All heavy atoms as atom14 arrays in JSON, in Angstrom:
{
  "sequence": "TSVVITQKKVPDKLIDASSVTHLHSITPTIGCV",
  "atom14_mask": [
    [1, 1, 1, 1, 1, 1, 1, 0, 0, 0, 0, 0, 0, 0],
    [1, 1, 1, 1, 1, 1, 0, 0, 0, 0, 0, 0, 0, 0],
    [1, 1, 1, 1, 1, 1, 1, 0, 0, 0, 0, 0, 0, 0],
    [1, 1, 1, 1, 1, 1, 1, 0, 0, 0, 0, 0, 0, 0],
    [1, 1, 1, 1, 1, 1, 1, 1, 0, 0, 0, 0, 0, 0],
    [1, 1, 1, 1, 1, 1, 1, 0, 0, 0, 0, 0, 0, 0],
    [1, 1, 1, 1, 1, 1, 1, 1, 1, 0, 0, 0, 0, 0],
    [1, 1, 1, 1, 1, 1, 1, 1, 1, 0, 0, 0, 0, 0],
    [1, 1, 1, 1, 1, 1, 1, 1, 1, 0, 0, 0, 0, 0],
    [1, 1, 1, 1, 1, 1, 1, 0, 0, 0, 0, 0, 0, 0],
    [1, 1, 1, 1, 1, 1, 1, 0, 0, 0, 0, 0, 0, 0],
    [1, 1, 1, 1, 1, 1, 1, 1, 0, 0, 0, 0, 0, 0],
    [1, 1, 1, 1, 1, 1, 1, 1, 1, 0, 0, 0, 0, 0],
    [1, 1, 1, 1, 1, 1, 1, 1, 0, 0, 0, 0, 0, 0],
    [1, 1, 1, 1, 1, 1, 1, 1, 0, 0, 0, 0, 0, 0],
    [1, 1, 1, 1, 1, 1, 1, 1, 0, 0, 0, 0, 0, 0],
    [1, 1, 1, 1, 1, 0, 0, 0, 0, 0, 0, 0, 0, 0],
    [1, 1, 1, 1, 1, 1, 0, 0, 0, 0, 0, 0, 0, 0],
    [1, 1, 1, 1, 1, 1, 0, 0, 0, 0, 0, 0, 0, 0],
    [1, 1, 1, 1, 1, 1, 1, 0, 0, 0, 0, 0, 0, 0],
    [1, 1, 1, 1, 1, 1, 1, 0, 0, 0, 0, 0, 0, 0],
    [1, 1, 1, 1, 1, 1, 1, 1, 1, 1, 0, 0, 0, 0],
    [1, 1, 1, 1, 1, 1, 1, 1, 0, 0, 0, 0, 0, 0],
    [1, 1, 1, 1, 1, 1, 1, 1, 1, 1, 0, 0, 0, 0],
    [1, 1, 1, 1, 1, 1, 0, 0, 0, 0, 0, 0, 0, 0],
    [1, 1, 1, 1, 1, 1, 1, 1, 0, 0, 0, 0, 0, 0],
    [1, 1, 1, 1, 1, 1, 1, 0, 0, 0, 0, 0, 0, 0],
    [1, 1, 1, 1, 1, 1, 1, 0, 0, 0, 0, 0, 0, 0],
    [1, 1, 1, 1, 1, 1, 1, 0, 0, 0, 0, 0, 0, 0],
    [1, 1, 1, 1, 1, 1, 1, 1, 0, 0, 0, 0, 0, 0],
    [1, 1, 1, 1, 0, 0, 0, 0, 0, 0, 0, 0, 0, 0],
    [1, 1, 1, 1, 1, 1, 0, 0, 0, 0, 0, 0, 0, 0],
    [1, 1, 1, 1, 1, 1, 1, 0, 0, 0, 0, 0, 0, 0]
  ],
  "atom14_positions": [
    [[30.47, 280.58, -11.89], [29.84, 279.64, -11.01], [30.65, 278.38, -10.84], [31.24, 277.87, -11.79], [28.46, 279.26, -11.54], [27.64, 280.46, -11.71], [27.7, 278.32, -10.6], [0.0, 0.0, 0.0], [0.0, 0.0, 0.0], [0.0, 0.0, 0.0], [0.0, 0.0, 0.0], [0.0, 0.0, 0.0], [0.0, 0.0, 0.0], [0.0, 0.0, 0.0]],
    [[30.7, 277.85, -9.61], [31.18, 276.5, -9.37], [30.08, 275.7, -8.66], [29.41, 276.27, -7.79], [32.42, 276.52, -8.42], [33.56, 276.88, -9.2], [0.0, 0.0, 0.0], [0.0, 0.0, 0.0], [0.0, 0.0, 0.0], [0.0, 0.0, 0.0], [0.0, 0.0, 0.0], [0.0, 0.0, 0.0], [0.0, 0.0, 0.0], [0.0, 0.0, 0.0]],
    [[29.88, 274.47, -9.02], [28.81, 273.69, -8.44], [29.3, 272.28, -8.14], [30.18, 271.76, -8.78], [27.6, 273.66, -9.4], [27.89, 272.83, -10.65], [26.31, 273.1, -8.73], [0.0, 0.0, 0.0], [0.0, 0.0, 0.0], [0.0, 0.0, 0.0], [0.0, 0.0, 0.0], [0.0, 0.0, 0.0], [0.0, 0.0, 0.0], [0.0, 0.0, 0.0]],
    [[28.74, 271.72, -7.04], [29.02, 270.29, -6.7], [27.67, 269.62, -6.57], [26.71, 270.21, -6.12], [29.84, 270.12, -5.42], [31.28, 270.49, -5.66], [29.24, 270.86, -4.26], [0.0, 0.0, 0.0], [0.0, 0.0, 0.0], [0.0, 0.0, 0.0], [0.0, 0.0, 0.0], [0.0, 0.0, 0.0], [0.0, 0.0, 0.0], [0.0, 0.0, 0.0]],
    [[27.62, 268.37, -7.0], [26.4, 267.58, -6.87], [26.72, 266.19, -6.41], [27.74, 265.61, -6.81], [25.65, 267.57, -8.21], [24.31, 266.76, -8.16], [26.52, 267.06, -9.32], [23.48, 266.93, -9.38], [0.0, 0.0, 0.0], [0.0, 0.0, 0.0], [0.0, 0.0, 0.0], [0.0, 0.0, 0.0], [0.0, 0.0, 0.0], [0.0, 0.0, 0.0]],
    [[25.98, 265.63, -5.5], [26.21, 264.29, -5.02], [24.89, 263.61, -4.69], [23.83, 264.25, -4.53], [27.12, 264.28, -3.77], [27.48, 262.97, -3.39], [26.44, 264.97, -2.57], [0.0, 0.0, 0.0], [0.0, 0.0, 0.0], [0.0, 0.0, 0.0], [0.0, 0.0, 0.0], [0.0, 0.0, 0.0], [0.0, 0.0, 0.0], [0.0, 0.0, 0.0]],
    [[24.97, 262.31, -4.56], [23.78, 261.53, -4.18], [23.49, 261.71, -2.71], [24.4, 261.88, -1.93], [23.98, 260.06, -4.48], [24.14, 259.69, -5.9], [24.83, 258.36, -6.09], [25.98, 258.18, -5.91], [24.01, 257.34, -6.42], [0.0, 0.0, 0.0], [0.0, 0.0, 0.0], [0.0, 0.0, 0.0], [0.0, 0.0, 0.0], [0.0, 0.0, 0.0]],
    [[22.21, 261.67, -2.36], [21.77, 261.7, -0.98], [21.07, 260.35, -0.66], [19.94, 260.19, -1.1], [20.87, 262.87, -0.69], [20.47, 262.98, 0.77], [19.81, 264.29, 1.1], [19.5, 264.45, 2.56], [18.92, 265.73, 2.91], [0.0, 0.0, 0.0], [0.0, 0.0, 0.0], [0.0, 0.0, 0.0], [0.0, 0.0, 0.0], [0.0, 0.0, 0.0]],
    [[21.78, 259.5, 0.02], [21.19, 258.19, 0.43], [20.95, 258.14, 1.9], [21.91, 258.31, 2.69], [22.18, 257.06, 0.0], [22.36, 256.94, -1.49], [23.27, 255.81, -1.84], [23.46, 255.7, -3.35], [24.48, 254.59, -3.68], [0.0, 0.0, 0.0], [0.0, 0.0, 0.0], [0.0, 0.0, 0.0], [0.0, 0.0, 0.0], [0.0, 0.0, 0.0]],
    [[19.74, 257.92, 2.3], [19.36, 257.79, 3.72], [19.22, 256.31, 3.99], [18.28, 255.67, 3.49], [18.04, 258.52, 4.05], [17.78, 258.41, 5.5], [18.19, 260.02, 3.66], [0.0, 0.0, 0.0], [0.0, 0.0, 0.0], [0.0, 0.0, 0.0], [0.0, 0.0, 0.0], [0.0, 0.0, 0.0], [0.0, 0.0, 0.0], [0.0, 0.0, 0.0]],
    [[20.15, 255.69, 4.78], [20.21, 254.23, 4.9], [19.01, 253.65, 5.68], [18.73, 252.44, 5.56], [21.52, 254.0, 5.67], [21.81, 255.3, 6.37], [21.24, 256.35, 5.48], [0.0, 0.0, 0.0], [0.0, 0.0, 0.0], [0.0, 0.0, 0.0], [0.0, 0.0, 0.0], [0.0, 0.0, 0.0], [0.0, 0.0, 0.0], [0.0, 0.0, 0.0]],
    [[18.31, 254.43, 6.49], [17.21, 253.87, 7.31], [16.09, 254.84, 7.31], [16.3, 256.07, 7.41], [17.75, 253.66, 8.74], [16.81, 252.79, 9.57], [15.59, 253.09, 9.57], [17.32, 251.86, 10.25], [0.0, 0.0, 0.0], [0.0, 0.0, 0.0], [0.0, 0.0, 0.0], [0.0, 0.0, 0.0], [0.0, 0.0, 0.0], [0.0, 0.0, 0.0]],
    [[14.87, 254.38, 7.2], [13.7, 255.22, 7.19], [13.44, 256.0, 8.49], [12.75, 257.0, 8.51], [12.43, 254.38, 6.85], [12.42, 253.87, 5.43], [11.12, 253.11, 5.14], [11.12, 252.62, 3.7], [9.93, 251.83, 3.36], [0.0, 0.0, 0.0], [0.0, 0.0, 0.0], [0.0, 0.0, 0.0], [0.0, 0.0, 0.0], [0.0, 0.0, 0.0]],
    [[14.04, 255.51, 9.55], [13.91, 256.19, 10.84], [14.9, 257.34, 11.02], [14.8, 258.12, 12.0], [14.05, 255.18, 12.03], [12.98, 254.09, 12.07], [13.27, 253.12, 13.23], [11.59, 254.7, 12.23], [0.0, 0.0, 0.0], [0.0, 0.0, 0.0], [0.0, 0.0, 0.0], [0.0, 0.0, 0.0], [0.0, 0.0, 0.0], [0.0, 0.0, 0.0]],
    [[15.88, 257.44, 10.1], [16.86, 258.55, 10.23], [16.25, 259.83, 9.73], [15.5, 259.86, 8.72], [18.15, 258.18, 9.4], [18.9, 257.03, 10.06], [19.04, 259.38, 9.24], [20.09, 256.51, 9.31], [0.0, 0.0, 0.0], [0.0, 0.0, 0.0], [0.0, 0.0, 0.0], [0.0, 0.0, 0.0], [0.0, 0.0, 0.0], [0.0, 0.0, 0.0]],
    [[16.54, 260.88, 10.4], [16.12, 262.24, 9.97], [16.89, 262.66, 8.75], [18.13, 262.84, 8.87], [16.32, 263.25, 11.11], [15.87, 264.64, 10.72], [15.37, 264.86, 9.59], [16.07, 265.56, 11.55], [0.0, 0.0, 0.0], [0.0, 0.0, 0.0], [0.0, 0.0, 0.0], [0.0, 0.0, 0.0], [0.0, 0.0, 0.0], [0.0, 0.0, 0.0]],
    [[16.29, 262.68, 7.58], [16.99, 262.94, 6.34], [17.67, 264.27, 6.31], [18.75, 264.44, 5.64], [15.97, 262.88, 5.18], [0.0, 0.0, 0.0], [0.0, 0.0, 0.0], [0.0, 0.0, 0.0], [0.0, 0.0, 0.0], [0.0, 0.0, 0.0], [0.0, 0.0, 0.0], [0.0, 0.0, 0.0], [0.0, 0.0, 0.0], [0.0, 0.0, 0.0]],
    [[17.23, 265.24, 7.09], [17.87, 266.6, 7.07], [19.22, 266.54, 7.78], [20.02, 267.43, 7.6], [16.97, 267.6, 7.77], [16.79, 267.28, 9.14], [0.0, 0.0, 0.0], [0.0, 0.0, 0.0], [0.0, 0.0, 0.0], [0.0, 0.0, 0.0], [0.0, 0.0, 0.0], [0.0, 0.0, 0.0], [0.0, 0.0, 0.0], [0.0, 0.0, 0.0]],
    [[19.47, 265.48, 8.51], [20.79, 265.37, 9.26], [21.82, 264.61, 8.44], [22.96, 264.48, 8.85], [20.6, 264.7, 10.6], [20.21, 263.32, 10.43], [0.0, 0.0, 0.0], [0.0, 0.0, 0.0], [0.0, 0.0, 0.0], [0.0, 0.0, 0.0], [0.0, 0.0, 0.0], [0.0, 0.0, 0.0], [0.0, 0.0, 0.0], [0.0, 0.0, 0.0]],
    [[21.4, 264.13, 7.25], [22.37, 263.37, 6.38], [22.79, 264.26, 5.23], [21.95, 264.74, 4.44], [21.66, 262.11, 5.81], [22.6, 261.35, 4.84], [21.23, 261.2, 6.93], [0.0, 0.0, 0.0], [0.0, 0.0, 0.0], [0.0, 0.0, 0.0], [0.0, 0.0, 0.0], [0.0, 0.0, 0.0], [0.0, 0.0, 0.0], [0.0, 0.0, 0.0]],
    [[24.09, 264.53, 5.13], [24.61, 265.38, 4.01], [26.06, 265.05, 3.79], [26.81, 264.6, 4.71], [24.47, 266.84, 4.39], [24.88, 267.64, 3.29], [25.23, 267.27, 5.62], [0.0, 0.0, 0.0], [0.0, 0.0, 0.0], [0.0, 0.0, 0.0], [0.0, 0.0, 0.0], [0.0, 0.0, 0.0], [0.0, 0.0, 0.0], [0.0, 0.0, 0.0]],
    [[26.47, 265.3, 2.54], [27.87, 265.17, 2.19], [28.43, 266.56, 1.77], [29.62, 266.62, 1.39], [28.03, 264.21, 1.02], [27.63, 262.78, 1.36], [28.47, 261.91, 1.98], [26.45, 262.14, 1.18], [27.82, 260.76, 2.21], [26.61, 260.87, 1.71], [0.0, 0.0, 0.0], [0.0, 0.0, 0.0], [0.0, 0.0, 0.0], [0.0, 0.0, 0.0]],
    [[27.63, 267.58, 1.91], [28.08, 268.91, 1.55], [28.35, 269.72, 2.81], [27.52, 269.7, 3.79], [27.0, 269.62, 0.77], [26.57, 268.97, -0.61], [25.51, 269.8, -1.28], [27.74, 268.8, -1.52], [0.0, 0.0, 0.0], [0.0, 0.0, 0.0], [0.0, 0.0, 0.0], [0.0, 0.0, 0.0], [0.0, 0.0, 0.0], [0.0, 0.0, 0.0]],
    [[29.45, 270.4, 2.86], [29.87, 271.14, 4.09], [30.4, 272.5, 3.76], [31.07, 272.71, 2.72], [30.96, 270.33, 4.86], [30.56, 268.93, 5.18], [29.83, 268.58, 6.31], [30.78, 267.76, 4.5], [29.62, 267.27, 6.31], [30.17, 266.76, 5.24], [0.0, 0.0, 0.0], [0.0, 0.0, 0.0], [0.0, 0.0, 0.0], [0.0, 0.0, 0.0]],
    [[30.08, 273.46, 4.65], [30.58, 274.84, 4.49], [31.9, 274.96, 5.32], [31.99, 274.46, 6.46], [29.56, 275.8, 5.05], [30.12, 277.11, 5.12], [0.0, 0.0, 0.0], [0.0, 0.0, 0.0], [0.0, 0.0, 0.0], [0.0, 0.0, 0.0], [0.0, 0.0, 0.0], [0.0, 0.0, 0.0], [0.0, 0.0, 0.0], [0.0, 0.0, 0.0]],
    [[32.89, 275.53, 4.69], [34.18, 275.73, 5.36], [34.39, 277.2, 5.71], [34.79, 277.52, 6.82], [35.32, 275.19, 4.45], [35.15, 273.64, 4.31], [36.69, 275.45, 5.12], [36.1, 273.0, 3.32], [0.0, 0.0, 0.0], [0.0, 0.0, 0.0], [0.0, 0.0, 0.0], [0.0, 0.0, 0.0], [0.0, 0.0, 0.0], [0.0, 0.0, 0.0]],
    [[34.17, 278.08, 4.78], [34.15, 279.5, 5.01], [32.9, 280.03, 4.32], [32.19, 279.29, 3.63], [35.37, 280.27, 4.43], [35.25, 280.37, 3.02], [36.67, 279.5, 4.77], [0.0, 0.0, 0.0], [0.0, 0.0, 0.0], [0.0, 0.0, 0.0], [0.0, 0.0, 0.0], [0.0, 0.0, 0.0], [0.0, 0.0, 0.0], [0.0, 0.0, 0.0]],
    [[32.53, 281.31, 4.48], [31.3, 281.83, 3.8], [31.34, 281.68, 2.28], [30.33, 281.55, 1.63], [31.29, 283.32, 4.19], [31.99, 283.35, 5.51], [33.06, 282.32, 5.43], [0.0, 0.0, 0.0], [0.0, 0.0, 0.0], [0.0, 0.0, 0.0], [0.0, 0.0, 0.0], [0.0, 0.0, 0.0], [0.0, 0.0, 0.0], [0.0, 0.0, 0.0]],
    [[32.54, 281.61, 1.68], [32.68, 281.52, 0.21], [33.22, 280.2, -0.27], [33.38, 280.02, -1.48], [33.59, 282.68, -0.3], [34.89, 282.53, 0.25], [33.01, 284.06, 0.03], [0.0, 0.0, 0.0], [0.0, 0.0, 0.0], [0.0, 0.0, 0.0], [0.0, 0.0, 0.0], [0.0, 0.0, 0.0], [0.0, 0.0, 0.0], [0.0, 0.0, 0.0]],
    [[33.56, 279.26, 0.65], [34.15, 277.99, 0.25], [33.33, 276.84, 0.86], [33.0, 276.88, 2.01], [35.63, 277.83, 0.71], [36.48, 278.94, 0.12], [36.17, 276.49, 0.3], [37.92, 278.92, 0.64], [0.0, 0.0, 0.0], [0.0, 0.0, 0.0], [0.0, 0.0, 0.0], [0.0, 0.0, 0.0], [0.0, 0.0, 0.0], [0.0, 0.0, 0.0]],
    [[32.99, 275.87, 0.0], [32.32, 274.71, 0.46], [32.98, 273.44, -0.11], [33.86, 273.56, -0.96], [0.0, 0.0, 0.0], [0.0, 0.0, 0.0], [0.0, 0.0, 0.0], [0.0, 0.0, 0.0], [0.0, 0.0, 0.0], [0.0, 0.0, 0.0], [0.0, 0.0, 0.0], [0.0, 0.0, 0.0], [0.0, 0.0, 0.0], [0.0, 0.0, 0.0]],
    [[32.49, 272.27, 0.26], [33.08, 271.06, -0.24], [32.08, 269.95, -0.27], [31.06, 269.99, 0.42], [34.34, 270.63, 0.55], [33.89, 270.07, 2.26], [0.0, 0.0, 0.0], [0.0, 0.0, 0.0], [0.0, 0.0, 0.0], [0.0, 0.0, 0.0], [0.0, 0.0, 0.0], [0.0, 0.0, 0.0], [0.0, 0.0, 0.0], [0.0, 0.0, 0.0]],
    [[32.36, 268.92, -1.06], [31.64, 267.64, -1.05], [32.64, 266.59, -0.69], [33.77, 266.55, -1.18], [30.97, 267.39, -2.41], [31.96, 267.28, -3.54], [30.14, 266.08, -2.35], [0.0, 0.0, 0.0], [0.0, 0.0, 0.0], [0.0, 0.0, 0.0], [0.0, 0.0, 0.0], [0.0, 0.0, 0.0], [0.0, 0.0, 0.0], [0.0, 0.0, 0.0]]
  ]
}
């Protein structure tokens, strides 16, 4: 297993939290923070 963990800070209460992320998929088996 490999795992990444990061903070999730939503700067404004009016922002849709689901659209804020630091995790991204690059290929089906590779991701990044």
